[in-house]
Amino acid sequence: MKEFIFKKKALKFLQKQSKNDQDRLITAIYQIPSGDIKNMAGYTHLKRLRVGKFRVLFNDDDKKVYILNIGSRGDIYINNLFYESSFDEGHPLGATGAIINCKAMSYLQDAGGKYGLFTMCVGGGMGAVGTIEMTD
């Protein structure tokens, strides 16, 4: 049996739903790999599960299923800002380079990616760029 790992934002969304919707979503999630599942266009490992008006974004391997986010049909794709396998964390005030780097590595691992690039505003019109290569 596969291990299911939920990201914090997926759990937060789930907790805000009615008991009936929670039950439907959890039942569908724990039935992965069956269900209305499609690969996300343009992504190697990212998939979506349709549960009525909800969408569950996840990736999986032989042993684990990573539930990355859950949301309403229209909002889930907009809120994740997936542009050609990228994500937008916004402008995390007070976030250090180490925090941003670790978050980028976490997202890259969850998405099953190999290469990553992150940028940071340093202040005073300056910036920094970091690259990541995931190895086996």
N, C-alpha and C. Protein backbone atom coordinates (compact mmCIF):
# COMPACT_ATOMS: atom_id res chain seq x y z
N MET A 1 0.84 -1.19 0.00
CA MET A 1 0.00 0.00 0.00
C MET A 1 0.88 1.25 0.00
N LYS A 2 0.44 2.25 -0.74
CA LYS A 2 1.21 3.49 -0.85
C LYS A 2 1.02 4.37 0.38
N GLU A 3 2.05 5.15 0.66
CA GLU A 3 1.99 6.15 1.73
C GLU A 3 1.50 7.45 1.12
N PHE A 4 0.57 8.13 1.79
CA PHE A 4 0.03 9.40 1.30
C PHE A 4 0.61 10.54 2.13
N ILE A 5 1.18 11.51 1.44
CA ILE A 5 1.79 12.66 2.09
C ILE A 5 1.07 13.91 1.61
N PHE A 6 0.49 14.66 2.55
CA PHE A 6 -0.28 15.86 2.24
C PHE A 6 0.54 17.10 2.54
N LYS A 7 0.63 18.01 1.56
CA LYS A 7 1.23 19.31 1.81
C LYS A 7 0.29 20.13 2.69
N LYS A 8 0.86 21.10 3.41
CA LYS A 8 0.09 21.89 4.36
C LYS A 8 -1.10 22.60 3.70
N LYS A 9 -0.91 23.17 2.51
CA LYS A 9 -2.02 23.90 1.89
C LYS A 9 -3.14 22.97 1.47
N ALA A 10 -2.83 21.72 1.14
CA ALA A 10 -3.88 20.74 0.81
C ALA A 10 -4.69 20.41 2.06
N LEU A 11 -4.01 20.22 3.18
CA LEU A 11 -4.72 19.93 4.43
C LEU A 11 -5.57 21.12 4.87
N LYS A 12 -5.05 22.33 4.72
CA LYS A 12 -5.82 23.52 5.10
C LYS A 12 -7.12 23.62 4.31
N PHE A 13 -7.03 23.38 2.99
CA PHE A 13 -8.24 23.43 2.16
C PHE A 13 -9.23 22.37 2.62
N LEU A 14 -8.73 21.18 2.87
CA LEU A 14 -9.59 20.06 3.28
C LEU A 14 -10.31 20.37 4.59
N GLN A 15 -9.61 20.96 5.54
CA GLN A 15 -10.20 21.27 6.84
C GLN A 15 -11.31 22.31 6.75
N LYS A 16 -11.28 23.16 5.74
CA LYS A 16 -12.29 24.21 5.59
C LYS A 16 -13.57 23.72 4.93
N GLN A 17 -13.58 22.49 4.43
CA GLN A 17 -14.73 21.97 3.71
C GLN A 17 -15.74 21.32 4.66
N SER A 18 -16.95 21.13 4.15
CA SER A 18 -17.99 20.46 4.94
C SER A 18 -17.58 19.01 5.17
N LYS A 19 -18.15 18.39 6.17
CA LYS A 19 -17.84 16.99 6.49
C LYS A 19 -18.11 16.09 5.29
N ASN A 20 -19.21 16.33 4.58
CA ASN A 20 -19.56 15.53 3.41
C ASN A 20 -18.50 15.65 2.32
N ASP A 21 -18.06 16.90 2.03
CA ASP A 21 -17.02 17.10 1.01
C ASP A 21 -15.69 16.51 1.46
N GLN A 22 -15.36 16.64 2.74
CA GLN A 22 -14.14 16.03 3.25
C GLN A 22 -14.14 14.53 3.02
N ASP A 23 -15.26 13.88 3.35
CA ASP A 23 -15.37 12.43 3.19
C ASP A 23 -15.21 12.02 1.73
N ARG A 24 -15.87 12.76 0.82
CA ARG A 24 -15.78 12.45 -0.61
C ARG A 24 -14.34 12.60 -1.11
N LEU A 25 -13.69 13.69 -0.72
CA LEU A 25 -12.32 13.93 -1.17
C LEU A 25 -11.35 12.89 -0.62
N ILE A 26 -11.44 12.61 0.66
CA ILE A 26 -10.53 11.64 1.28
C ILE A 26 -10.73 10.25 0.69
N THR A 27 -11.98 9.85 0.49
CA THR A 27 -12.26 8.55 -0.12
C THR A 27 -11.64 8.46 -1.51
N ALA A 28 -11.81 9.50 -2.32
CA ALA A 28 -11.26 9.51 -3.68
C ALA A 28 -9.73 9.51 -3.66
N ILE A 29 -9.14 10.29 -2.76
CA ILE A 29 -7.68 10.37 -2.68
C ILE A 29 -7.09 9.01 -2.34
N TYR A 30 -7.65 8.33 -1.35
CA TYR A 30 -7.09 7.04 -0.93
C TYR A 30 -7.37 5.92 -1.92
N GLN A 31 -8.12 6.20 -2.99
CA GLN A 31 -8.32 5.22 -4.05
C GLN A 31 -7.36 5.43 -5.22
N ILE A 32 -6.51 6.46 -5.14
CA ILE A 32 -5.50 6.67 -6.18
C ILE A 32 -4.66 5.40 -6.25
N PRO A 33 -4.42 4.81 -7.41
CA PRO A 33 -4.40 5.38 -8.75
C PRO A 33 -5.69 5.23 -9.56
N SER A 34 -6.79 4.78 -8.97
CA SER A 34 -8.03 4.73 -9.73
C SER A 34 -8.77 6.06 -9.57
N GLY A 35 -9.76 6.29 -10.41
CA GLY A 35 -10.52 7.53 -10.36
C GLY A 35 -10.34 8.32 -11.64
N ASP A 36 -10.94 9.49 -11.69
CA ASP A 36 -10.86 10.36 -12.87
C ASP A 36 -9.55 11.14 -12.81
N ILE A 37 -8.48 10.51 -13.27
CA ILE A 37 -7.13 11.07 -13.19
C ILE A 37 -6.62 11.36 -14.59
N LYS A 38 -6.01 12.53 -14.73
CA LYS A 38 -5.36 12.90 -15.99
C LYS A 38 -4.00 13.49 -15.68
N ASN A 39 -3.06 13.30 -16.61
CA ASN A 39 -1.77 13.97 -16.50
C ASN A 39 -1.98 15.44 -16.82
N MET A 40 -1.28 16.31 -16.10
CA MET A 40 -1.36 17.74 -16.37
C MET A 40 -0.53 18.03 -17.62
N ALA A 41 -1.13 18.71 -18.57
CA ALA A 41 -0.44 19.02 -19.83
C ALA A 41 0.82 19.83 -19.55
N GLY A 42 1.92 19.41 -20.13
CA GLY A 42 3.18 20.13 -19.99
C GLY A 42 4.00 19.73 -18.78
N TYR A 43 3.53 18.77 -17.99
CA TYR A 43 4.24 18.34 -16.79
C TYR A 43 4.55 16.85 -16.88
N THR A 44 5.73 16.48 -16.45
CA THR A 44 6.14 15.09 -16.53
C THR A 44 5.46 14.24 -15.46
N HIS A 45 5.41 14.71 -14.24
CA HIS A 45 4.92 13.90 -13.13
C HIS A 45 3.64 14.40 -12.47
N LEU A 46 3.19 15.58 -12.82
CA LEU A 46 2.04 16.18 -12.14
C LEU A 46 0.73 15.65 -12.71
N LYS A 47 -0.18 15.26 -11.81
CA LYS A 47 -1.48 14.72 -12.22
C LYS A 47 -2.58 15.45 -11.46
N ARG A 48 -3.81 15.30 -11.97
CA ARG A 48 -4.95 15.86 -11.26
C ARG A 48 -6.04 14.79 -11.16
N LEU A 49 -6.69 14.80 -10.02
CA LEU A 49 -7.82 13.91 -9.74
C LEU A 49 -9.07 14.78 -9.67
N ARG A 50 -10.10 14.42 -10.42
CA ARG A 50 -11.36 15.16 -10.39
C ARG A 50 -12.30 14.47 -9.41
N VAL A 51 -12.80 15.25 -8.45
CA VAL A 51 -13.78 14.77 -7.48
C VAL A 51 -14.91 15.80 -7.48
N GLY A 52 -15.90 15.61 -8.36
CA GLY A 52 -16.99 16.57 -8.49
C GLY A 52 -16.46 17.93 -8.88
N LYS A 53 -16.77 18.95 -8.06
CA LYS A 53 -16.32 20.31 -8.36
C LYS A 53 -14.90 20.59 -7.88
N PHE A 54 -14.26 19.59 -7.28
CA PHE A 54 -12.91 19.77 -6.74
C PHE A 54 -11.86 19.11 -7.62
N ARG A 55 -10.63 19.62 -7.50
CA ARG A 55 -9.48 19.03 -8.18
C ARG A 55 -8.39 18.81 -7.14
N VAL A 56 -7.74 17.66 -7.24
CA VAL A 56 -6.63 17.32 -6.36
C VAL A 56 -5.39 17.23 -7.24
N LEU A 57 -4.38 18.06 -6.97
CA LEU A 57 -3.13 18.01 -7.72
C LEU A 57 -2.15 17.15 -6.93
N PHE A 58 -1.54 16.19 -7.62
CA PHE A 58 -0.65 15.26 -6.93
C PHE A 58 0.39 14.71 -7.89
N ASN A 59 1.39 14.07 -7.31
CA ASN A 59 2.27 13.20 -8.08
C ASN A 59 2.53 11.97 -7.24
N ASP A 60 2.97 10.91 -7.88
CA ASP A 60 3.18 9.67 -7.15
C ASP A 60 4.34 8.89 -7.75
N ASP A 61 4.81 7.94 -6.95
CA ASP A 61 5.80 6.98 -7.43
C ASP A 61 5.36 5.61 -6.94
N ASP A 62 6.26 4.66 -6.93
CA ASP A 62 5.89 3.30 -6.54
C ASP A 62 5.43 3.19 -5.09
N LYS A 63 5.95 4.07 -4.21
CA LYS A 63 5.69 3.93 -2.79
C LYS A 63 4.86 5.06 -2.17
N LYS A 64 4.88 6.24 -2.78
CA LYS A 64 4.25 7.40 -2.15
C LYS A 64 3.37 8.17 -3.12
N VAL A 65 2.34 8.82 -2.55
CA VAL A 65 1.49 9.76 -3.29
C VAL A 65 1.61 11.10 -2.56
N TYR A 66 2.04 12.13 -3.27
CA TYR A 66 2.19 13.46 -2.70
C TYR A 66 0.99 14.30 -3.11
N ILE A 67 0.14 14.64 -2.14
CA ILE A 67 -1.02 15.50 -2.40
C ILE A 67 -0.52 16.94 -2.26
N LEU A 68 -0.37 17.61 -3.40
CA LEU A 68 0.24 18.94 -3.41
C LEU A 68 -0.74 20.04 -3.10
N ASN A 69 -1.96 19.93 -3.63
CA ASN A 69 -2.96 20.96 -3.38
C ASN A 69 -4.34 20.42 -3.73
N ILE A 70 -5.35 20.99 -3.10
CA ILE A 70 -6.75 20.66 -3.38
C ILE A 70 -7.47 21.99 -3.53
N GLY A 71 -8.39 22.07 -4.48
CA GLY A 71 -9.12 23.31 -4.66
C GLY A 71 -10.32 23.15 -5.56
N SER A 72 -11.05 24.24 -5.73
CA SER A 72 -12.21 24.25 -6.62
C SER A 72 -11.74 24.18 -8.06
N ARG A 73 -12.59 23.69 -8.91
CA ARG A 73 -12.26 23.43 -10.31
C ARG A 73 -11.58 24.62 -10.99
N GLY A 74 -12.15 25.81 -10.89
CA GLY A 74 -11.57 26.95 -11.59
C GLY A 74 -10.37 27.55 -10.90
N ASP A 75 -10.39 27.57 -9.56
CA ASP A 75 -9.36 28.26 -8.80
C ASP A 75 -8.05 27.50 -8.69
N ILE A 76 -8.09 26.19 -8.69
CA ILE A 76 -6.89 25.40 -8.40
C ILE A 76 -5.77 25.68 -9.40
N TYR A 77 -6.11 25.83 -10.66
CA TYR A 77 -5.07 26.05 -11.67
C TYR A 77 -4.54 27.48 -11.61
N ILE A 78 -5.41 28.44 -11.36
CA ILE A 78 -5.00 29.84 -11.28
C ILE A 78 -4.13 30.07 -10.05
N ASN A 79 -4.55 29.54 -8.91
CA ASN A 79 -3.85 29.80 -7.66
C ASN A 79 -2.47 29.17 -7.60
N ASN A 80 -2.21 28.13 -8.39
CA ASN A 80 -0.90 27.50 -8.36
C ASN A 80 0.08 28.13 -9.34
N LEU A 81 -0.43 28.92 -10.29
CA LEU A 81 0.42 29.61 -11.25
C LEU A 81 1.47 28.69 -11.86
N PHE A 82 1.05 27.56 -12.38
CA PHE A 82 1.97 26.65 -13.04
C PHE A 82 2.24 27.14 -14.45
N TYR A 83 3.37 27.76 -14.68
CA TYR A 83 3.75 28.21 -16.01
C TYR A 83 4.94 27.36 -16.44
N GLU A 84 4.69 26.42 -17.33
CA GLU A 84 5.76 25.56 -17.85
C GLU A 84 6.59 25.00 -16.71
N SER A 85 5.94 24.35 -15.76
CA SER A 85 6.57 23.69 -14.63
C SER A 85 7.23 24.65 -13.65
N SER A 86 6.68 25.84 -13.50
CA SER A 86 7.21 26.77 -12.51
C SER A 86 6.13 27.09 -11.49
N PHE A 87 6.52 27.72 -10.40
CA PHE A 87 5.56 28.14 -9.40
C PHE A 87 5.94 29.52 -8.90
N ASP A 88 4.98 30.20 -8.31
CA ASP A 88 5.20 31.55 -7.81
C ASP A 88 4.89 31.55 -6.32
N GLU A 89 5.87 31.88 -5.51
CA GLU A 89 5.67 31.96 -4.07
C GLU A 89 5.33 33.37 -3.63
N GLY A 90 5.24 34.29 -4.58
CA GLY A 90 4.95 35.67 -4.20
C GLY A 90 6.19 36.37 -3.70
N HIS A 91 6.02 37.28 -2.78
CA HIS A 91 7.13 38.06 -2.22
C HIS A 91 7.19 37.78 -0.73
N PRO A 92 7.88 36.69 -0.33
CA PRO A 92 7.90 36.31 1.09
C PRO A 92 8.76 37.26 1.92
N LEU A 93 8.14 38.22 2.55
CA LEU A 93 8.84 39.22 3.35
C LEU A 93 9.66 38.54 4.44
N GLY A 94 10.92 38.86 4.52
CA GLY A 94 11.78 38.34 5.56
C GLY A 94 12.29 36.93 5.31
N ALA A 95 11.98 36.35 4.16
CA ALA A 95 12.46 35.00 3.87
C ALA A 95 13.93 35.07 3.49
N THR A 96 14.73 34.23 4.10
CA THR A 96 16.15 34.20 3.78
C THR A 96 16.38 33.36 2.54
N GLY A 97 17.56 33.49 1.97
CA GLY A 97 17.91 32.67 0.81
C GLY A 97 17.81 31.19 1.11
N ALA A 98 18.17 30.81 2.34
CA ALA A 98 18.10 29.39 2.72
C ALA A 98 16.66 28.89 2.70
N ILE A 99 15.73 29.70 3.19
CA ILE A 99 14.31 29.30 3.20
C ILE A 99 13.80 29.17 1.77
N ILE A 100 14.10 30.15 0.93
CA ILE A 100 13.64 30.11 -0.45
C ILE A 100 14.25 28.92 -1.18
N ASN A 101 15.54 28.66 -0.96
CA ASN A 101 16.21 27.52 -1.59
C ASN A 101 15.56 26.20 -1.15
N CYS A 102 15.32 26.05 0.14
CA CYS A 102 14.70 24.81 0.66
C CYS A 102 13.29 24.63 0.11
N LYS A 103 12.51 25.71 0.03
CA LYS A 103 11.16 25.61 -0.54
C LYS A 103 11.23 25.20 -2.00
N ALA A 104 12.17 25.78 -2.74
CA ALA A 104 12.33 25.43 -4.16
C ALA A 104 12.68 23.96 -4.30
N MET A 105 13.58 23.45 -3.46
CA MET A 105 13.95 22.03 -3.51
C MET A 105 12.76 21.15 -3.16
N SER A 106 11.97 21.56 -2.18
CA SER A 106 10.80 20.78 -1.78
C SER A 106 9.79 20.70 -2.91
N TYR A 107 9.48 21.84 -3.54
CA TYR A 107 8.55 21.85 -4.67
C TYR A 107 9.08 21.01 -5.82
N LEU A 108 10.37 21.12 -6.10
CA LEU A 108 10.99 20.37 -7.19
C LEU A 108 10.89 18.87 -6.93
N GLN A 109 11.16 18.46 -5.70
CA GLN A 109 11.06 17.05 -5.35
C GLN A 109 9.62 16.56 -5.47
N ASP A 110 8.68 17.34 -4.97
CA ASP A 110 7.27 16.94 -5.03
C ASP A 110 6.77 16.82 -6.47
N ALA A 111 7.28 17.68 -7.34
CA ALA A 111 6.84 17.66 -8.74
C ALA A 111 7.62 16.65 -9.57
N GLY A 112 8.62 16.00 -8.97
CA GLY A 112 9.40 15.02 -9.70
C GLY A 112 10.35 15.64 -10.71
N GLY A 113 10.72 16.89 -10.49
CA GLY A 113 11.60 17.59 -11.43
C GLY A 113 13.07 17.30 -11.20
N LYS A 114 13.88 17.64 -12.16
CA LYS A 114 15.32 17.43 -12.06
C LYS A 114 16.08 18.74 -11.89
N TYR A 115 15.64 19.80 -12.57
CA TYR A 115 16.34 21.08 -12.52
C TYR A 115 15.42 22.17 -11.99
N GLY A 116 16.00 23.08 -11.23
CA GLY A 116 15.23 24.19 -10.70
C GLY A 116 16.01 25.49 -10.75
N LEU A 117 15.30 26.58 -10.79
CA LEU A 117 15.88 27.91 -10.82
C LEU A 117 15.05 28.79 -9.89
N PHE A 118 15.70 29.55 -9.02
CA PHE A 118 14.94 30.47 -8.18
C PHE A 118 15.63 31.83 -8.17
N THR A 119 14.81 32.86 -8.02
CA THR A 119 15.34 34.22 -7.98
C THR A 119 14.87 34.89 -6.70
N MET A 120 15.68 35.83 -6.24
CA MET A 120 15.35 36.55 -5.01
C MET A 120 15.63 38.03 -5.20
N CYS A 121 14.75 38.85 -4.68
CA CYS A 121 14.98 40.29 -4.62
C CYS A 121 15.83 40.54 -3.38
N VAL A 122 16.99 41.14 -3.57
CA VAL A 122 17.88 41.38 -2.44
C VAL A 122 17.65 42.77 -1.85
N GLY A 123 17.16 43.68 -2.67
CA GLY A 123 16.92 45.05 -2.21
C GLY A 123 17.86 46.01 -2.90
N GLY A 124 17.45 47.24 -2.98
CA GLY A 124 18.27 48.26 -3.62
C GLY A 124 18.49 48.02 -5.10
N GLY A 125 17.54 47.34 -5.73
CA GLY A 125 17.66 47.08 -7.16
C GLY A 125 18.53 45.89 -7.51
N MET A 126 18.97 45.15 -6.49
CA MET A 126 19.83 43.99 -6.75
C MET A 126 19.01 42.71 -6.60
N GLY A 127 19.54 41.64 -7.14
CA GLY A 127 18.87 40.35 -7.03
C GLY A 127 19.88 39.22 -7.03
N ALA A 128 19.40 38.05 -6.75
CA ALA A 128 20.25 36.86 -6.75
C ALA A 128 19.50 35.73 -7.45
N VAL A 129 20.26 34.83 -8.05
CA VAL A 129 19.69 33.70 -8.76
C VAL A 129 20.36 32.44 -8.25
N GLY A 130 19.58 31.38 -8.08
CA GLY A 130 20.13 30.08 -7.69
C GLY A 130 19.61 29.00 -8.60
N THR A 131 20.45 28.00 -8.84
CA THR A 131 20.02 26.85 -9.64
C THR A 131 20.15 25.59 -8.81
N ILE A 132 19.29 24.63 -9.12
CA ILE A 132 19.27 23.36 -8.39
C ILE A 132 19.27 22.23 -9.40
N GLU A 133 20.05 21.19 -9.13
CA GLU A 133 19.96 19.96 -9.90
C GLU A 133 19.74 18.82 -8.92
N MET A 134 18.62 18.13 -9.06
CA MET A 134 18.30 17.01 -8.17
C MET A 134 19.01 15.77 -8.72
N THR A 135 19.64 15.01 -7.85
CA THR A 135 20.30 13.77 -8.25
C THR A 135 19.66 12.60 -7.54
N ASP A 136 19.86 11.42 -8.08
CA ASP A 136 19.27 10.21 -7.47
C ASP A 136 20.00 9.77 -6.24
